[in-house]
């Protein structure tokens, strides 16, 4: 497998497409030095539904593109 390069927004859109009810303003992509660290998805208090989380989204990755290392 090869490393993948993608924009943070494209990654968020892929997560939203795969999870009905999830929108890009309900998650945040975290990166370090242009490499994906994690995707944070915000849930409601019951942990059964998604919710918006601008405070988490504001801390998201600012890189134009991020690298996703291939599984080793």
PDB file of N, CA and C in Angstrom:
ATOM      1  N   UNK A   1       0.838  -1.188   0.000  1.00  0.00           N
ATOM      2  CA  UNK A   1       0.000   0.000   0.000  1.00  0.00           C
ATOM      3  C   UNK A   1       0.876   1.243   0.000  1.00  0.00           C
ATOM      4  N   UNK A   2       0.341   2.308  -0.567  1.00  0.00           N
ATOM      5  CA  UNK A   2       1.089   3.556  -0.679  1.00  0.00           C
ATOM      6  C   UNK A   2       0.468   4.625   0.205  1.00  0.00           C
ATOM      7  N   UNK A   3       1.297   5.608   0.607  1.00  0.00           N
ATOM      8  CA  UNK A   3       0.781   6.764   1.330  1.00  0.00           C
ATOM      9  C   UNK A   3      -0.203   7.500   0.429  1.00  0.00           C
ATOM     10  N   UNK A   4      -1.145   8.188   1.030  1.00  0.00           N
ATOM     11  CA  UNK A   4      -2.179   8.922   0.294  1.00  0.00           C
ATOM     12  C   UNK A   4      -2.089  10.400   0.658  1.00  0.00           C
ATOM     13  N   UNK A   5      -2.323  11.280  -0.297  1.00  0.00           N
ATOM     14  CA  UNK A   5      -2.358  12.713  -0.034  1.00  0.00           C
ATOM     15  C   UNK A   5      -3.760  13.214  -0.351  1.00  0.00           C
ATOM     16  N   UNK A   6      -4.308  14.045   0.547  1.00  0.00           N
ATOM     17  CA  UNK A   6      -5.683  14.523   0.410  1.00  0.00           C
ATOM     18  C   UNK A   6      -5.800  15.861   1.142  1.00  0.00           C
ATOM     19  N   UNK A   7      -6.783  16.663   0.787  1.00  0.00           N
ATOM     20  CA  UNK A   7      -7.017  17.888   1.551  1.00  0.00           C
ATOM     21  C   UNK A   7      -7.822  17.531   2.803  1.00  0.00           C
ATOM     22  N   UNK A   8      -7.670  18.296   3.883  1.00  0.00           N
ATOM     23  CA  UNK A   8      -8.471  18.026   5.075  1.00  0.00           C
ATOM     24  C   UNK A   8      -9.976  18.056   4.776  1.00  0.00           C
ATOM     25  N   UNK A   9     -10.426  19.002   3.947  1.00  0.00           N
ATOM     26  CA  UNK A   9     -11.850  19.090   3.630  1.00  0.00           C
ATOM     27  C   UNK A   9     -12.325  17.861   2.855  1.00  0.00           C
ATOM     28  N   UNK A  10     -11.527  17.372   1.920  1.00  0.00           N
ATOM     29  CA  UNK A  10     -11.906  16.168   1.173  1.00  0.00           C
ATOM     30  C   UNK A  10     -12.026  14.967   2.101  1.00  0.00           C
ATOM     31  N   UNK A  11     -11.141  14.881   3.095  1.00  0.00           N
ATOM     32  CA  UNK A  11     -11.225  13.784   4.055  1.00  0.00           C
ATOM     33  C   UNK A  11     -12.504  13.906   4.881  1.00  0.00           C
ATOM     34  N   UNK A  12     -12.823  15.123   5.341  1.00  0.00           N
ATOM     35  CA  UNK A  12     -14.066  15.330   6.087  1.00  0.00           C
ATOM     36  C   UNK A  12     -15.280  14.969   5.233  1.00  0.00           C
ATOM     37  N   UNK A  13     -15.259  15.350   3.970  1.00  0.00           N
ATOM     38  CA  UNK A  13     -16.390  15.027   3.077  1.00  0.00           C
ATOM     39  C   UNK A  13     -16.536  13.518   2.893  1.00  0.00           C
ATOM     40  N   UNK A  14     -15.422  12.805   2.841  1.00  0.00           N
ATOM     41  CA  UNK A  14     -15.478  11.345   2.709  1.00  0.00           C
ATOM     42  C   UNK A  14     -16.098  10.717   3.963  1.00  0.00           C
ATOM     43  N   UNK A  15     -15.730  11.213   5.148  1.00  0.00           N
ATOM     44  CA  UNK A  15     -16.332  10.718   6.387  1.00  0.00           C
ATOM     45  C   UNK A  15     -17.832  11.020   6.400  1.00  0.00           C
ATOM     46  N   UNK A  16     -18.217  12.239   5.968  1.00  0.00           N
ATOM     47  CA  UNK A  16     -19.628  12.625   5.958  1.00  0.00           C
ATOM     48  C   UNK A  16     -20.426  11.752   4.989  1.00  0.00           C
ATOM     49  N   UNK A  17     -19.846  11.466   3.843  1.00  0.00           N
ATOM     50  CA  UNK A  17     -20.525  10.637   2.849  1.00  0.00           C
ATOM     51  C   UNK A  17     -20.750   9.221   3.363  1.00  0.00           C
ATOM     52  N   UNK A  18     -19.815   8.716   4.153  1.00  0.00           N
ATOM     53  CA  UNK A  18     -19.896   7.341   4.659  1.00  0.00           C
ATOM     54  C   UNK A  18     -20.752   7.219   5.924  1.00  0.00           C
ATOM     55  N   UNK A  19     -21.131   8.346   6.534  1.00  0.00           N
ATOM     56  CA  UNK A  19     -21.875   8.331   7.801  1.00  0.00           C
ATOM     57  C   UNK A  19     -23.094   9.241   7.705  1.00  0.00           C
ATOM     58  N   UNK A  20     -24.277   8.704   7.408  1.00  0.00           N
ATOM     59  CA  UNK A  20     -25.479   9.513   7.275  1.00  0.00           C
ATOM     60  C   UNK A  20     -25.713  10.379   8.519  1.00  0.00           C
ATOM     61  N   UNK A  21     -25.992  11.659   8.288  1.00  0.00           N
ATOM     62  CA  UNK A  21     -26.247  12.588   9.377  1.00  0.00           C
ATOM     63  C   UNK A  21     -25.010  13.344   9.827  1.00  0.00           C
ATOM     64  N   UNK A  22     -23.823  12.900   9.415  1.00  0.00           N
ATOM     65  CA  UNK A  22     -22.580  13.569   9.777  1.00  0.00           C
ATOM     66  C   UNK A  22     -22.258  14.635   8.735  1.00  0.00           C
ATOM     67  N   UNK A  23     -21.926  15.848   9.217  1.00  0.00           N
ATOM     68  CA  UNK A  23     -21.540  16.944   8.318  1.00  0.00           C
ATOM     69  C   UNK A  23     -20.124  17.395   8.662  1.00  0.00           C
ATOM     70  N   UNK A  24     -19.518  18.148   7.754  1.00  0.00           N
ATOM     71  CA  UNK A  24     -18.136  18.578   7.959  1.00  0.00           C
ATOM     72  C   UNK A  24     -17.975  19.496   9.167  1.00  0.00           C
ATOM     73  N   UNK A  25     -19.049  20.179   9.604  1.00  0.00           N
ATOM     74  CA  UNK A  25     -18.939  21.051  10.787  1.00  0.00           C
ATOM     75  C   UNK A  25     -19.134  20.270  12.089  1.00  0.00           C
ATOM     76  N   UNK A  26     -19.192  18.950  11.980  1.00  0.00           N
ATOM     77  CA  UNK A  26     -19.356  18.077  13.142  1.00  0.00           C
ATOM     78  C   UNK A  26     -18.095  17.255  13.404  1.00  0.00           C
ATOM     79  N   UNK A  27     -16.991  17.646  12.772  1.00  0.00           N
ATOM     80  CA  UNK A  27     -15.742  16.911  12.940  1.00  0.00           C
ATOM     81  C   UNK A  27     -14.564  17.834  12.709  1.00  0.00           C
ATOM     82  N   UNK A  28     -13.399  17.340  13.044  1.00  0.00           N
ATOM     83  CA  UNK A  28     -12.167  18.085  12.849  1.00  0.00           C
ATOM     84  C   UNK A  28     -11.045  17.113  12.504  1.00  0.00           C
ATOM     85  N   UNK A  29     -10.261  17.481  11.509  1.00  0.00           N
ATOM     86  CA  UNK A  29      -9.094  16.699  11.127  1.00  0.00           C
ATOM     87  C   UNK A  29      -7.883  17.328  11.804  1.00  0.00           C
ATOM     88  N   UNK A  30      -7.129  16.540  12.538  1.00  0.00           N
ATOM     89  CA  UNK A  30      -5.924  17.025  13.204  1.00  0.00           C
ATOM     90  C   UNK A  30      -4.701  16.503  12.456  1.00  0.00           C
ATOM     91  N   UNK A  31      -3.722  17.399  12.266  1.00  0.00           N
ATOM     92  CA  UNK A  31      -2.494  16.996  11.585  1.00  0.00           C
ATOM     93  C   UNK A  31      -1.291  17.594  12.299  1.00  0.00           C
ATOM     94  N   UNK A  32      -0.153  17.011  12.030  1.00  0.00           N
ATOM     95  CA  UNK A  32       1.116  17.538  12.538  1.00  0.00           C
ATOM     96  C   UNK A  32       2.121  17.456  11.408  1.00  0.00           C
ATOM     97  N   UNK A  33       2.695  18.598  11.079  1.00  0.00           N
ATOM     98  CA  UNK A  33       3.670  18.688   9.983  1.00  0.00           C
ATOM     99  C   UNK A  33       3.146  18.073   8.693  1.00  0.00           C
ATOM    100  N   UNK A  34       1.857  18.299   8.411  1.00  0.00           N
ATOM    101  CA  UNK A  34       1.276  17.826   7.168  1.00  0.00           C
ATOM    102  C   UNK A  34       0.925  16.355   7.128  1.00  0.00           C
ATOM    103  N   UNK A  35       0.961  15.683   8.280  1.00  0.00           N
ATOM    104  CA  UNK A  35       0.622  14.254   8.353  1.00  0.00           C
ATOM    105  C   UNK A  35      -0.611  14.097   9.242  1.00  0.00           C
ATOM    106  N   UNK A  36      -1.580  13.312   8.776  1.00  0.00           N
ATOM    107  CA  UNK A  36      -2.799  13.069   9.539  1.00  0.00           C
ATOM    108  C   UNK A  36      -2.480  12.503  10.918  1.00  0.00           C
ATOM    109  N   UNK A  37      -3.079  13.088  11.962  1.00  0.00           N
ATOM    110  CA  UNK A  37      -2.945  12.572  13.330  1.00  0.00           C
ATOM    111  C   UNK A  37      -4.223  11.858  13.752  1.00  0.00           C
ATOM    112  N   UNK A  38      -5.368  12.528  13.556  1.00  0.00           N
ATOM    113  CA  UNK A  38      -6.645  11.926  13.944  1.00  0.00           C
ATOM    114  C   UNK A  38      -7.795  12.702  13.330  1.00  0.00           C
ATOM    115  N   UNK A  39      -8.961  12.068  13.327  1.00  0.00           N
ATOM    116  CA  UNK A  39     -10.212  12.712  12.953  1.00  0.00           C
ATOM    117  C   UNK A  39     -11.088  12.688  14.195  1.00  0.00           C
ATOM    118  N   UNK A  40     -11.507  13.859  14.648  1.00  0.00           N
ATOM    119  CA  UNK A  40     -12.362  13.967  15.835  1.00  0.00           C
ATOM    120  C   UNK A  40     -13.791  14.188  15.376  1.00  0.00           C
ATOM    121  N   UNK A  41     -14.695  13.337  15.829  1.00  0.00           N
ATOM    122  CA  UNK A  41     -16.115  13.437  15.480  1.00  0.00           C
ATOM    123  C   UNK A  41     -16.877  13.776  16.749  1.00  0.00           C
ATOM    124  N   UNK A  42     -17.720  14.807  16.677  1.00  0.00           N
ATOM    125  CA  UNK A  42     -18.430  15.297  17.862  1.00  0.00           C
ATOM    126  C   UNK A  42     -19.802  14.642  17.982  1.00  0.00           C
ATOM    127  N   UNK A  43     -20.060  14.070  19.156  1.00  0.00           N
ATOM    128  CA  UNK A  43     -21.319  13.387  19.441  1.00  0.00           C
ATOM    129  C   UNK A  43     -22.119  14.174  20.468  1.00  0.00           C
ATOM    130  N   UNK A  44     -23.431  13.944  20.487  1.00  0.00           N
ATOM    131  CA  UNK A  44     -24.268  14.587  21.502  1.00  0.00           C
ATOM    132  C   UNK A  44     -24.058  13.898  22.855  1.00  0.00           C
ATOM    133  N   UNK A  45     -24.726  14.414  23.889  1.00  0.00           N
ATOM    134  CA  UNK A  45     -24.515  13.889  25.247  1.00  0.00           C
ATOM    135  C   UNK A  45     -24.902  12.422  25.405  1.00  0.00           C
ATOM    136  N   UNK A  46     -25.823  11.950  24.570  1.00  0.00           N
ATOM    137  CA  UNK A  46     -26.235  10.546  24.664  1.00  0.00           C
ATOM    138  C   UNK A  46     -25.303   9.624  23.874  1.00  0.00           C
ATOM    139  N   UNK A  47     -24.389  10.227  23.125  1.00  0.00           N
ATOM    140  CA  UNK A  47     -23.445   9.497  22.267  1.00  0.00           C
ATOM    141  C   UNK A  47     -24.137   8.722  21.154  1.00  0.00           C
ATOM    142  N   UNK A  48     -25.360   9.118  20.821  1.00  0.00           N
ATOM    143  CA  UNK A  48     -26.103   8.420  19.765  1.00  0.00           C
ATOM    144  C   UNK A  48     -26.263   9.252  18.500  1.00  0.00           C
ATOM    145  N   UNK A  49     -25.933  10.533  18.570  1.00  0.00           N
ATOM    146  CA  UNK A  49     -26.074  11.388  17.397  1.00  0.00           C
ATOM    147  C   UNK A  49     -24.904  12.345  17.278  1.00  0.00           C
ATOM    148  N   UNK A  50     -24.725  12.890  16.087  1.00  0.00           N
ATOM    149  CA  UNK A  50     -23.662  13.851  15.837  1.00  0.00           C
ATOM    150  C   UNK A  50     -24.129  15.246  16.242  1.00  0.00           C
ATOM    151  N   UNK A  51     -23.174  16.133  16.537  1.00  0.00           N
ATOM    152  CA  UNK A  51     -23.506  17.526  16.840  1.00  0.00           C
ATOM    153  C   UNK A  51     -22.414  18.430  16.281  1.00  0.00           C
ATOM    154  N   UNK A  52     -22.771  19.688  16.067  1.00  0.00           N
ATOM    155  CA  UNK A  52     -21.763  20.640  15.614  1.00  0.00           C
ATOM    156  C   UNK A  52     -20.821  20.946  16.769  1.00  0.00           C
ATOM    157  N   UNK A  53     -19.603  21.302  16.425  1.00  0.00           N
ATOM    158  CA  UNK A  53     -18.607  21.590  17.460  1.00  0.00           C
ATOM    159  C   UNK A  53     -17.585  22.583  16.915  1.00  0.00           C
ATOM    160  N   UNK A  54     -17.996  23.849  16.765  1.00  0.00           N
ATOM    161  CA  UNK A  54     -17.076  24.846  16.191  1.00  0.00           C
ATOM    162  C   UNK A  54     -15.789  24.999  16.979  1.00  0.00           C
ATOM    163  N   UNK A  55     -15.823  24.819  18.301  1.00  0.00           N
ATOM    164  CA  UNK A  55     -14.610  24.963  19.103  1.00  0.00           C
ATOM    165  C   UNK A  55     -13.593  23.881  18.774  1.00  0.00           C
ATOM    166  N   UNK A  56     -14.050  22.705  18.409  1.00  0.00           N
ATOM    167  CA  UNK A  56     -13.145  21.619  18.012  1.00  0.00           C
ATOM    168  C   UNK A  56     -12.720  21.828  16.563  1.00  0.00           C
ATOM    169  N   UNK A  57     -13.668  22.195  15.715  1.00  0.00           N
ATOM    170  CA  UNK A  57     -13.392  22.409  14.298  1.00  0.00           C
ATOM    171  C   UNK A  57     -12.370  23.523  14.099  1.00  0.00           C
ATOM    172  N   UNK A  58     -12.407  24.550  14.931  1.00  0.00           N
ATOM    173  CA  UNK A  58     -11.470  25.673  14.820  1.00  0.00           C
ATOM    174  C   UNK A  58     -10.023  25.258  15.067  1.00  0.00           C
ATOM    175  N   UNK A  59      -9.825  24.154  15.759  1.00  0.00           N
ATOM    176  CA  UNK A  59      -8.480  23.664  16.059  1.00  0.00           C
ATOM    177  C   UNK A  59      -7.963  22.716  14.978  1.00  0.00           C
ATOM    178  N   UNK A  60      -8.716  22.579  13.911  1.00  0.00           N
ATOM    179  CA  UNK A  60      -8.383  21.614  12.864  1.00  0.00           C
ATOM    180  C   UNK A  60      -7.126  21.955  12.090  1.00  0.00           C
ATOM    181  N   UNK A  61      -6.731  21.033  11.263  1.00  0.00           N
ATOM    182  CA  UNK A  61      -5.532  21.107  10.445  1.00  0.00           C
ATOM    183  C   UNK A  61      -5.592  22.298   9.498  1.00  0.00           C
ATOM    184  N   UNK A  62      -4.505  23.036   9.414  1.00  0.00           N
ATOM    185  CA  UNK A  62      -4.430  24.195   8.520  1.00  0.00           C
ATOM    186  C   UNK A  62      -3.600  23.909   7.266  1.00  0.00           C
ATOM    187  N   UNK A  63      -3.076  22.711   7.143  1.00  0.00           N
ATOM    188  CA  UNK A  63      -2.287  22.363   5.959  1.00  0.00           C
ATOM    189  C   UNK A  63      -3.190  22.287   4.729  1.00  0.00           C
ATOM    190  N   UNK A  64      -2.661  22.709   3.595  1.00  0.00           N
ATOM    191  CA  UNK A  64      -3.426  22.636   2.353  1.00  0.00           C
ATOM    192  C   UNK A  64      -3.703  21.175   1.978  1.00  0.00           C
ATOM    193  N   UNK A  65      -2.703  20.337   2.192  1.00  0.00           N
ATOM    194  CA  UNK A  65      -2.838  18.904   1.942  1.00  0.00           C
ATOM    195  C   UNK A  65      -2.204  18.154   3.091  1.00  0.00           C
ATOM    196  N   UNK A  66      -2.713  16.964   3.332  1.00  0.00           N
ATOM    197  CA  UNK A  66      -2.141  16.122   4.380  1.00  0.00           C
ATOM    198  C   UNK A  66      -1.802  14.759   3.797  1.00  0.00           C
ATOM    199  N   UNK A  67      -0.832  14.135   4.385  1.00  0.00           N
ATOM    200  CA  UNK A  67      -0.420  12.795   3.993  1.00  0.00           C
ATOM    201  C   UNK A  67      -1.037  11.803   4.979  1.00  0.00           C
ATOM    202  N   UNK A  68      -1.574  10.729   4.427  1.00  0.00           N
ATOM    203  CA  UNK A  68      -2.093   9.642   5.253  1.00  0.00           C
ATOM    204  C   UNK A  68      -1.165   8.453   5.024  1.00  0.00           C
ATOM    205  N   UNK A  69      -0.339   8.119   6.013  1.00  0.00           N
ATOM    206  CA  UNK A  69       0.592   7.001   5.838  1.00  0.00           C
ATOM    207  C   UNK A  69      -0.150   5.686   5.586  1.00  0.00           C
ATOM    208  N   UNK A  70       0.393   4.889   4.717  1.00  0.00           N
ATOM    209  CA  UNK A  70      -0.172   3.577   4.433  1.00  0.00           C
ATOM    210  C   UNK A  70      -0.016   2.685   5.671  1.00  0.00           C
ATOM    211  N   UNK A  71      -0.961   1.762   5.872  1.00  0.00           N
ATOM    212  CA  UNK A  71      -0.815   0.821   6.986  1.00  0.00           C
ATOM    213  C   UNK A  71       0.481   0.024   6.825  1.00  0.00           C
ATOM    214  N   UNK A  72       1.138  -0.203   7.913  1.00  0.00           N
ATOM    215  CA  UNK A  72       2.413  -0.929   7.867  1.00  0.00           C
ATOM    216  C   UNK A  72       2.234  -2.310   8.459  1.00  0.00           C
TER     217      UNK A  72
END
